[in-house]
Amino acid sequence: MATNVVMPQMGESIAEGTIVRWIKKVGDAVDRDEPLFEISTDKVDAEIPSPAAGVLSDIKVKEGETVPVNSVVAIIGAAGEKVEPDGSSAPAAEAPPAEIPTELPEAAVGQPEITPPQRGGRARQTEEAVSKEELRRQKSSPLVRRIAKEHNVDIREIQGSGLSGRVTKQDILGYLESGAAAPAPGYPAARPAAGPAFRPGENVQIVPMSVMRKKIAEHMVLSARTSPHVYSVYEVNFGRVSELRDKKKAQYESAGAKLTFTAMIAKVIVDAIRAFPVVNASIDGENIVYKKDINLGIAVALDNGLIVPVIRNADEKNLLGLSRAINDLSNRARSKKLSPDEVQNGTFTITNPGIFGALYGLPLINQPQVAILGVGGIEKRAVVLGDAIAIRPVCHLTLGYDHRLVDGADAGRFLSFVKERLENFEEGWM
């Protein structure tokens, strides 16, 4: 019996995915849970396993194509069973029935009140009362609606390119980039577009962006437009941390974990977030959403981009647990073995440009978070200890924060706490 292979649901805010690469070809035998194809979404690049054992009988979506979730992308036939590929394109996925909102959107003010249908006739009247524009809005993803809200955009003004006119993230970002949207209250209008990237006759090489690079570009543009970024940089003496790391490194390796400076920084950051929860929050319109869970994102550099796997409930782990989690997520990120859930719902991010030699970095905030820590290079320098000068490993830590919520005083208190803990790291914390 043939088994349909569908584009998986990659998180509640993801409505579509792009086939980056087919690992198997038509006619290849596959085992259940064996990697079948590779996809890219707003959140993650991942290898998708086969839902059944058999033979890959038909590929319906080519590499580079983007389709809605739940679309059939391939067919797995039973071993020995011949399934004729029909050559048809992936059928459109039916959008889930839109839930009736508990509060009517502003655009719906003055429209007839929608109440649960009592009889067939009443149901038809209710359906007729909901306009096509309203249905299209409801079919847009939560991410698209959030972007529209943040930028004071009426989503009904945008021509959607998605299924049944659904407005996609690319649609709304393109709308914003075009300058068609009115600036949100308190924000300046978009700057005029830059000049051409190259002129006829110039000696250039033009290479299309990868799916991951396009997603990163969109996310960075969104972050820069959303948050007024401010940065504070502190110099930290890593002498104590370095001493303890050298002392405990072999013990951690025997326990199956690599003790890194990142793990030790993460341990201190978790304690600092508990003391200063303002950096573990998000902004929702005029409301502040304080996150009770501490889900720590650790940025991992890949050959073709950057991904941020998340350590969930990081405050429940000791240093050994954090070390294991960072090692595991980093390794699986590089081998594209992460699941979609492992790159979502982060509440604070740590990124480490120092591993490439940077003195410090000024990273953009990972939306919808309000703060990000950049770790600079750790280098030996002359430092003043009392009235003496000594050589110690020194690191610059940068806190990038959303000035709509986090003030300079908040950032200063947070970084002062981190600096004091790192410079006086206790062996009992290990």
Protein backbone atom coordinates (compact mmCIF):
# COMPACT_ATOMS: atom_id res chain seq x y z
CA MET A 1 0.00 0.00 0.00
CA ALA A 2 1.36 3.42 -0.99
CA THR A 3 2.17 5.99 1.71
CA ASN A 4 1.97 9.73 1.10
CA VAL A 5 4.95 11.78 2.27
CA VAL A 6 3.83 15.28 3.33
CA MET A 7 5.54 18.56 4.10
CA PRO A 8 5.68 18.45 7.91
CA GLN A 9 4.25 21.10 10.21
CA MET A 10 7.37 22.91 11.44
CA GLY A 11 5.88 24.80 14.36
CA GLU A 12 2.61 26.64 14.79
CA SER A 13 3.81 29.82 13.05
CA ILE A 14 5.20 28.00 10.00
CA ALA A 15 2.85 27.63 7.03
CA GLU A 16 5.21 26.36 4.34
CA GLY A 17 8.58 24.76 3.68
CA THR A 18 11.13 24.59 0.89
CA ILE A 19 12.59 21.34 -0.45
CA VAL A 20 16.34 21.98 -0.44
CA ARG A 21 17.57 18.52 -1.46
CA TRP A 22 16.25 15.05 -2.13
CA ILE A 23 18.50 12.56 -0.35
CA LYS A 24 16.80 9.62 -2.12
CA LYS A 25 15.90 9.27 -5.79
CA VAL A 26 12.87 7.68 -7.41
CA GLY A 27 13.32 3.92 -7.31
CA ASP A 28 15.54 3.95 -4.18
CA ALA A 29 14.63 1.65 -1.31
CA VAL A 30 14.09 3.45 2.00
CA ASP A 31 13.70 2.30 5.58
CA ARG A 32 11.27 3.83 8.04
CA ASP A 33 12.87 6.90 9.71
CA GLU A 34 15.71 6.96 7.17
CA PRO A 35 16.47 10.55 5.96
CA LEU A 36 14.44 11.13 2.80
CA PHE A 37 14.73 14.83 1.97
CA GLU A 38 16.05 18.08 3.39
CA ILE A 39 13.88 21.14 3.96
CA SER A 40 14.32 24.74 4.99
CA THR A 41 11.80 26.92 6.83
CA ASP A 42 11.86 30.18 8.76
CA LYS A 43 13.09 28.28 11.79
CA VAL A 44 15.31 25.38 10.82
CA ASP A 45 17.02 23.35 8.13
CA ALA A 46 16.28 19.70 8.79
CA GLU A 47 16.45 16.25 7.26
CA ILE A 48 12.99 14.68 7.17
CA PRO A 49 12.74 10.93 7.77
CA SER A 50 10.63 8.56 5.72
CA PRO A 51 7.26 7.77 7.34
CA ALA A 52 7.37 4.17 6.08
CA ALA A 53 9.66 1.52 4.63
CA GLY A 54 9.42 0.75 0.92
CA VAL A 55 10.48 2.29 -2.38
CA LEU A 56 10.40 5.98 -3.31
CA SER A 57 7.92 5.74 -6.16
CA ASP A 58 7.22 9.36 -7.00
CA ILE A 59 8.64 12.81 -6.20
CA LYS A 60 5.98 15.49 -6.59
CA VAL A 61 7.91 18.58 -5.44
CA LYS A 62 11.24 19.49 -7.02
CA GLU A 63 14.28 20.87 -5.21
CA GLY A 64 13.92 24.61 -4.60
CA GLU A 65 10.11 24.57 -4.59
CA THR A 66 8.14 25.91 -1.62
CA VAL A 67 4.82 24.29 -0.71
CA PRO A 68 2.32 24.61 2.16
CA VAL A 69 2.53 22.23 5.09
CA ASN A 70 0.64 18.95 4.69
CA SER A 71 1.12 19.03 0.90
CA VAL A 72 2.05 15.64 -0.56
CA VAL A 73 5.67 15.87 -1.70
CA ALA A 74 6.36 12.20 -2.52
CA ILE A 75 4.93 8.67 -2.45
CA ILE A 76 6.47 5.64 -0.78
CA GLY A 77 5.35 2.35 -2.32
CA ALA A 78 5.55 -1.01 -0.59
CA ALA A 79 8.57 -3.15 -1.46
CA GLY A 80 7.83 -4.95 -4.74
CA GLU A 81 4.77 -2.79 -5.42
CA LYS A 82 4.80 -0.71 -8.60
CA VAL A 83 3.27 2.71 -8.24
CA GLU A 84 2.96 4.76 -11.41
CA PRO A 85 3.95 8.37 -10.81
CA ASP A 86 1.20 10.63 -12.05
CA GLY A 87 3.52 13.58 -12.57
CA SER A 88 1.01 15.90 -10.98
CA SER A 89 2.14 18.73 -8.79
CA ALA A 90 1.65 18.69 -5.04
CA PRO A 91 -2.01 19.28 -4.22
CA ALA A 92 -2.82 22.35 -2.29
CA ALA A 93 -3.14 21.75 1.42
CA GLU A 94 -6.48 22.56 2.90
CA ALA A 95 -6.16 25.34 5.42
CA PRO A 96 -7.40 24.37 8.87
CA PRO A 97 -10.77 25.87 9.73
CA ALA A 98 -10.29 29.30 11.18
CA GLU A 99 -11.28 29.66 14.78
CA ILE A 100 -13.85 32.29 15.60
CA PRO A 101 -11.94 34.98 17.53
CA THR A 102 -13.09 35.85 21.02
CA GLU A 103 -12.58 39.51 20.16
CA LEU A 104 -13.39 41.02 16.80
CA PRO A 105 -10.46 42.73 15.01
CA GLU A 106 -10.65 46.47 14.57
CA ALA A 107 -11.51 46.01 10.91
CA ALA A 108 -14.60 44.06 11.94
CA VAL A 109 -16.11 46.80 14.10
CA GLY A 110 -19.61 47.49 12.87
CA GLN A 111 -19.99 44.11 11.20
CA PRO A 112 -22.71 41.72 12.35
CA GLU A 113 -21.75 39.83 15.50
CA ILE A 114 -20.66 36.25 14.77
CA THR A 115 -22.40 33.75 16.98
CA PRO A 116 -22.39 29.95 16.92
CA PRO A 117 -24.87 28.70 14.30
CA GLN A 118 -28.08 27.20 15.59
CA ARG A 119 -29.56 25.88 12.32
CA GLY A 120 -28.49 25.39 8.74
CA GLY A 121 -29.93 28.72 7.60
CA ARG A 122 -28.23 30.58 10.42
CA ALA A 123 -24.91 28.90 9.54
CA ARG A 124 -25.15 30.13 5.95
CA GLN A 125 -25.87 33.66 7.16
CA THR A 126 -22.85 33.56 9.45
CA GLU A 127 -20.58 32.39 6.63
CA GLU A 128 -21.86 35.16 4.38
CA ALA A 129 -21.20 37.74 7.11
CA VAL A 130 -17.48 36.96 7.09
CA SER A 131 -15.86 38.71 4.17
CA LYS A 132 -13.24 37.14 1.92
CA GLU A 133 -10.70 39.62 3.24
CA GLU A 134 -11.37 38.53 6.81
CA LEU A 135 -10.98 34.86 5.88
CA ARG A 136 -7.70 35.66 4.19
CA ARG A 137 -6.50 37.46 7.31
CA GLN A 138 -7.44 34.50 9.46
CA LYS A 139 -5.50 32.17 7.18
CA SER A 140 -2.32 34.24 7.53
CA SER A 141 0.14 32.86 10.05
CA PRO A 142 0.50 34.29 13.59
CA LEU A 143 3.95 35.60 12.60
CA VAL A 144 2.53 37.59 9.69
CA ARG A 145 -0.23 39.05 11.87
CA ARG A 146 2.32 40.01 14.53
CA ILE A 147 4.52 41.78 11.97
CA ALA A 148 1.47 43.62 10.65
CA LYS A 149 0.50 44.71 14.16
CA GLU A 150 4.00 45.90 15.02
CA HIS A 151 4.22 48.00 11.86
CA ASN A 152 0.66 49.34 11.94
CA VAL A 153 -0.26 47.59 8.68
CA ASP A 154 -3.77 46.59 7.64
CA ILE A 155 -3.10 43.11 6.27
CA ARG A 156 -6.11 43.36 3.96
CA GLU A 157 -4.24 45.95 1.88
CA ILE A 158 -1.58 43.40 0.90
CA GLN A 159 -1.99 41.18 -2.14
CA GLY A 160 -1.19 37.69 -0.86
CA SER A 161 0.81 35.26 -2.98
CA GLY A 162 0.11 32.22 -0.81
CA LEU A 163 -2.55 29.58 -1.01
CA SER A 164 -6.01 31.11 -1.67
CA GLY A 165 -4.56 34.61 -1.39
CA ARG A 166 -2.93 34.01 2.01
CA VAL A 167 -0.46 36.76 2.91
CA THR A 168 2.96 35.17 3.50
CA LYS A 169 5.92 36.55 5.44
CA GLN A 170 7.64 37.38 2.15
CA ASP A 171 4.55 39.36 1.08
CA ILE A 172 4.47 41.54 4.18
CA LEU A 173 8.24 42.06 4.31
CA GLY A 174 8.21 43.09 0.66
CA TYR A 175 5.32 45.44 1.41
CA LEU A 176 7.30 47.03 4.24
CA GLU A 177 10.48 47.30 2.15
CA SER A 178 8.55 49.05 -0.61
CA GLY A 179 7.73 51.86 1.82
CA ALA A 180 4.01 51.42 1.19
CA ALA A 181 3.27 50.91 4.87
CA ALA A 182 2.67 53.81 7.20
CA PRO A 183 5.35 53.97 9.91
CA ALA A 184 4.30 52.74 13.32
CA PRO A 185 3.66 55.46 15.91
CA GLY A 186 6.95 56.91 17.13
CA TYR A 187 9.04 55.42 14.27
CA PRO A 188 10.48 57.26 11.26
CA ALA A 189 9.46 56.36 7.75
CA ALA A 190 11.58 53.87 5.85
CA ARG A 191 14.69 55.27 4.19
CA PRO A 192 14.70 55.47 0.40
CA ALA A 193 15.93 52.38 -1.42
CA ALA A 194 19.67 52.11 -2.11
CA GLY A 195 21.08 52.41 -5.62
CA PRO A 196 21.66 49.42 -7.89
CA ALA A 197 23.98 46.72 -6.54
CA PHE A 198 26.01 46.73 -9.77
CA ARG A 199 26.08 48.48 -13.11
CA PRO A 200 26.19 47.00 -16.60
CA GLY A 201 29.72 46.06 -17.58
CA GLU A 202 31.03 45.62 -14.04
CA ASN A 203 33.12 42.53 -13.32
CA VAL A 204 30.78 40.70 -10.93
CA GLN A 205 29.61 37.18 -10.14
CA ILE A 206 25.90 36.77 -9.32
CA VAL A 207 24.93 33.82 -7.13
CA PRO A 208 21.34 33.21 -5.92
CA MET A 209 20.86 33.28 -2.16
CA SER A 210 20.37 29.93 -0.49
CA VAL A 211 17.06 29.35 1.27
CA MET A 212 18.76 29.70 4.65
CA ARG A 213 20.48 32.96 3.68
CA LYS A 214 17.15 34.42 2.50
CA LYS A 215 15.50 33.47 5.78
CA ILE A 216 18.35 35.01 7.79
CA ALA A 217 18.16 38.20 5.72
CA GLU A 218 14.41 38.50 6.28
CA HIS A 219 14.78 37.89 10.02
CA MET A 220 17.58 40.46 10.39
CA VAL A 221 15.67 43.11 8.44
CA LEU A 222 12.64 42.45 10.65
CA SER A 223 14.74 42.76 13.83
CA ALA A 224 16.40 46.00 12.74
CA ARG A 225 13.02 47.52 11.86
CA THR A 226 11.31 46.31 15.03
CA SER A 227 13.70 47.06 17.90
CA PRO A 228 15.69 50.23 18.66
CA HIS A 229 18.99 48.51 19.41
CA VAL A 230 21.30 49.76 22.16
CA TYR A 231 24.54 48.11 23.34
CA SER A 232 26.55 47.98 26.55
CA VAL A 233 30.03 46.40 26.65
CA TYR A 234 31.79 45.15 29.79
CA GLU A 235 35.35 43.88 30.12
CA VAL A 236 35.54 40.71 32.23
CA ASN A 237 38.58 39.04 33.83
CA PHE A 238 38.31 35.34 32.89
CA GLY A 239 41.21 34.28 35.10
CA ARG A 240 39.04 32.42 37.62
CA VAL A 241 36.87 30.80 34.93
CA SER A 242 39.93 29.69 32.97
CA GLU A 243 41.55 28.21 36.09
CA LEU A 244 38.46 26.17 37.00
CA ARG A 245 37.96 25.05 33.41
CA ASP A 246 41.50 23.68 33.22
CA LYS A 247 41.02 21.95 36.56
CA LYS A 248 37.67 20.29 35.70
CA LYS A 249 38.04 19.70 31.96
CA ALA A 250 39.19 16.07 32.22
CA GLN A 251 36.45 15.28 34.75
CA TYR A 252 33.78 16.58 32.37
CA GLU A 253 35.22 14.68 29.42
CA SER A 254 35.05 11.44 31.41
CA ALA A 255 31.34 12.23 31.97
CA GLY A 256 30.80 12.61 28.22
CA ALA A 257 30.73 16.42 28.08
CA LYS A 258 33.09 19.09 26.79
CA LEU A 259 33.51 21.91 29.31
CA THR A 260 33.58 25.17 27.36
CA PHE A 261 33.65 28.84 28.27
CA THR A 262 30.22 29.10 26.58
CA ALA A 263 28.75 26.59 29.03
CA MET A 264 30.20 28.47 32.02
CA ILE A 265 28.87 31.75 30.66
CA ALA A 266 25.47 30.13 30.11
CA LYS A 267 25.38 29.02 33.77
CA VAL A 268 25.97 32.58 34.93
CA ILE A 269 23.49 34.03 32.41
CA VAL A 270 20.74 31.78 33.74
CA ASP A 271 21.37 33.11 37.26
CA ALA A 272 21.41 36.69 35.95
CA ILE A 273 18.08 36.22 34.14
CA ARG A 274 16.51 35.00 37.38
CA ALA A 275 17.72 38.19 39.08
CA PHE A 276 16.75 40.51 36.17
CA PRO A 277 13.72 39.03 34.36
CA VAL A 278 13.27 42.13 32.18
CA VAL A 279 15.76 40.66 29.68
CA ASN A 280 13.71 37.46 29.47
CA ALA A 281 10.61 39.08 28.00
CA SER A 282 8.86 40.14 24.80
CA ILE A 283 6.75 43.09 23.74
CA ASP A 284 3.21 42.49 22.51
CA GLY A 285 1.80 45.81 21.34
CA GLU A 286 1.56 47.88 24.53
CA ASN A 287 1.96 44.86 26.82
CA ILE A 288 5.10 43.32 28.31
CA VAL A 289 5.19 39.51 28.28
CA TYR A 290 7.53 38.22 31.00
CA LYS A 291 8.62 34.64 30.24
CA LYS A 292 8.57 32.34 33.25
CA ASP A 293 10.67 29.69 31.47
CA ILE A 294 14.32 30.36 30.65
CA ASN A 295 14.89 28.91 27.18
CA LEU A 296 18.46 29.73 26.22
CA GLY A 297 19.32 30.05 22.54
CA ILE A 298 22.93 29.23 21.59
CA ALA A 299 23.90 30.54 18.15
CA VAL A 300 25.77 27.99 16.02
CA ALA A 301 27.68 29.05 12.90
CA LEU A 302 27.22 26.78 9.88
CA ASP A 303 29.03 26.75 6.56
CA ASN A 304 26.15 28.58 4.89
CA GLY A 305 24.59 30.58 7.70
CA LEU A 306 23.59 30.62 11.34
CA ILE A 307 21.09 28.67 13.42
CA VAL A 308 20.01 29.08 17.04
CA PRO A 309 19.06 25.83 18.81
CA VAL A 310 17.37 26.29 22.17
CA ILE A 311 18.09 24.74 25.57
CA ARG A 312 14.65 24.51 27.14
CA ASN A 313 14.32 25.18 30.86
CA ALA A 314 18.02 25.95 31.09
CA ASP A 315 17.55 27.06 34.70
CA GLU A 316 16.77 23.45 35.65
CA LYS A 317 20.19 22.21 34.48
CA ASN A 318 23.51 22.26 36.32
CA LEU A 319 26.77 23.08 34.53
CA LEU A 320 27.26 19.47 33.42
CA GLY A 321 23.73 19.39 31.99
CA LEU A 322 24.27 22.70 30.17
CA SER A 323 27.58 21.44 28.76
CA ARG A 324 25.97 18.28 27.44
CA ALA A 325 23.04 20.19 25.95
CA ILE A 326 25.29 22.73 24.19
CA ASN A 327 27.55 19.99 22.78
CA ASP A 328 24.58 17.92 21.60
CA LEU A 329 22.64 20.77 19.99
CA SER A 330 25.74 22.20 18.29
CA ASN A 331 26.71 18.85 16.80
CA ARG A 332 23.20 18.09 15.58
CA ALA A 333 22.80 21.62 14.18
CA ARG A 334 25.88 21.10 12.00
CA SER A 335 24.67 17.69 10.84
CA LYS A 336 21.09 18.97 10.24
CA LYS A 337 19.58 16.60 12.77
CA LEU A 338 17.64 19.17 14.79
CA SER A 339 13.88 18.91 15.11
CA PRO A 340 11.74 22.03 14.56
CA ASP A 341 10.87 22.25 18.27
CA GLU A 342 14.55 22.61 19.13
CA VAL A 343 14.88 25.99 17.42
CA GLN A 344 11.69 27.63 18.68
CA ASN A 345 10.50 29.56 21.71
CA GLY A 346 13.89 30.82 22.86
CA THR A 347 13.70 33.64 25.40
CA PHE A 348 17.34 34.86 25.45
CA THR A 349 20.24 34.23 23.05
CA ILE A 350 24.01 33.89 23.42
CA THR A 351 26.21 34.30 20.34
CA ASN A 352 29.98 34.01 20.23
CA PRO A 353 31.73 36.00 17.49
CA GLY A 354 34.89 35.78 19.60
CA ILE A 355 35.65 32.30 18.28
CA PHE A 356 36.46 33.95 14.94
CA GLY A 357 38.80 36.49 16.55
CA ALA A 358 36.42 39.40 17.14
CA LEU A 359 37.22 41.66 20.09
CA TYR A 360 33.46 41.94 20.63
CA GLY A 361 30.29 41.89 18.55
CA LEU A 362 27.13 43.98 18.19
CA PRO A 363 24.56 41.29 17.34
CA LEU A 364 20.98 41.93 16.27
CA ILE A 365 18.27 40.75 18.65
CA ASN A 366 16.64 37.41 17.86
CA GLN A 367 12.97 38.47 17.60
CA PRO A 368 10.66 38.44 19.50
CA GLN A 369 13.25 38.48 22.30
CA VAL A 370 14.45 41.76 23.80
CA ALA A 371 18.11 41.00 24.55
CA ILE A 372 21.11 39.08 23.21
CA LEU A 373 24.59 38.50 24.65
CA GLY A 374 27.63 38.70 22.39
CA VAL A 375 30.82 37.00 23.63
CA GLY A 376 34.11 38.42 22.36
CA GLY A 377 37.47 36.73 22.03
CA ILE A 378 39.28 35.62 25.20
CA GLU A 379 42.84 36.94 25.09
CA LYS A 380 45.62 37.44 27.62
CA ARG A 381 46.10 41.07 28.57
CA ALA A 382 47.65 43.22 31.25
CA VAL A 383 45.10 43.98 33.96
CA VAL A 384 45.31 45.93 37.20
CA LEU A 385 44.80 43.85 40.34
CA GLY A 386 44.87 46.15 43.34
CA ASP A 387 48.08 48.10 42.92
CA ALA A 388 49.77 45.49 40.73
CA ILE A 389 49.69 44.61 37.07
CA ALA A 390 49.16 40.99 36.03
CA ILE A 391 48.54 38.99 32.87
CA ARG A 392 45.02 37.53 32.76
CA PRO A 393 42.64 36.21 30.07
CA VAL A 394 40.14 38.98 29.31
CA CYS A 395 36.83 38.89 27.43
CA HIS A 396 34.44 41.62 26.34
CA LEU A 397 30.75 40.82 26.82
CA THR A 398 28.18 42.84 24.86
CA LEU A 399 24.51 43.06 25.75
CA GLY A 400 22.32 44.15 22.85
CA TYR A 401 18.86 45.17 24.05
CA ASP A 402 15.56 46.56 22.87
CA HIS A 403 15.41 50.09 24.24
CA ARG A 404 11.61 50.07 24.12
CA LEU A 405 11.74 47.88 27.23
CA VAL A 406 15.29 47.59 28.57
CA ASP A 407 16.99 50.79 29.81
CA GLY A 408 20.72 51.38 30.10
CA ALA A 409 20.49 51.04 33.88
CA ASP A 410 18.84 47.62 33.51
CA ALA A 411 21.59 46.50 31.13
CA GLY A 412 24.26 47.84 33.47
CA ARG A 413 22.89 45.96 36.47
CA PHE A 414 22.57 42.77 34.41
CA LEU A 415 26.12 42.92 33.06
CA SER A 416 27.56 43.91 36.44
CA PHE A 417 25.96 40.79 37.93
CA VAL A 418 27.40 38.64 35.13
CA LYS A 419 30.86 40.18 35.50
CA GLU A 420 30.94 39.65 39.28
CA ARG A 421 29.82 36.01 38.97
CA LEU A 422 32.33 35.17 36.25
CA GLU A 423 35.24 36.83 38.01
CA ASN A 424 34.35 35.00 41.23
CA PHE A 425 33.07 31.71 39.77
CA GLU A 426 32.68 29.20 42.62
CA GLU A 427 33.82 25.63 42.29
CA GLY A 428 30.57 24.52 43.95
CA TRP A 429 28.63 25.68 40.89
CA MET A 430 30.33 22.97 38.87
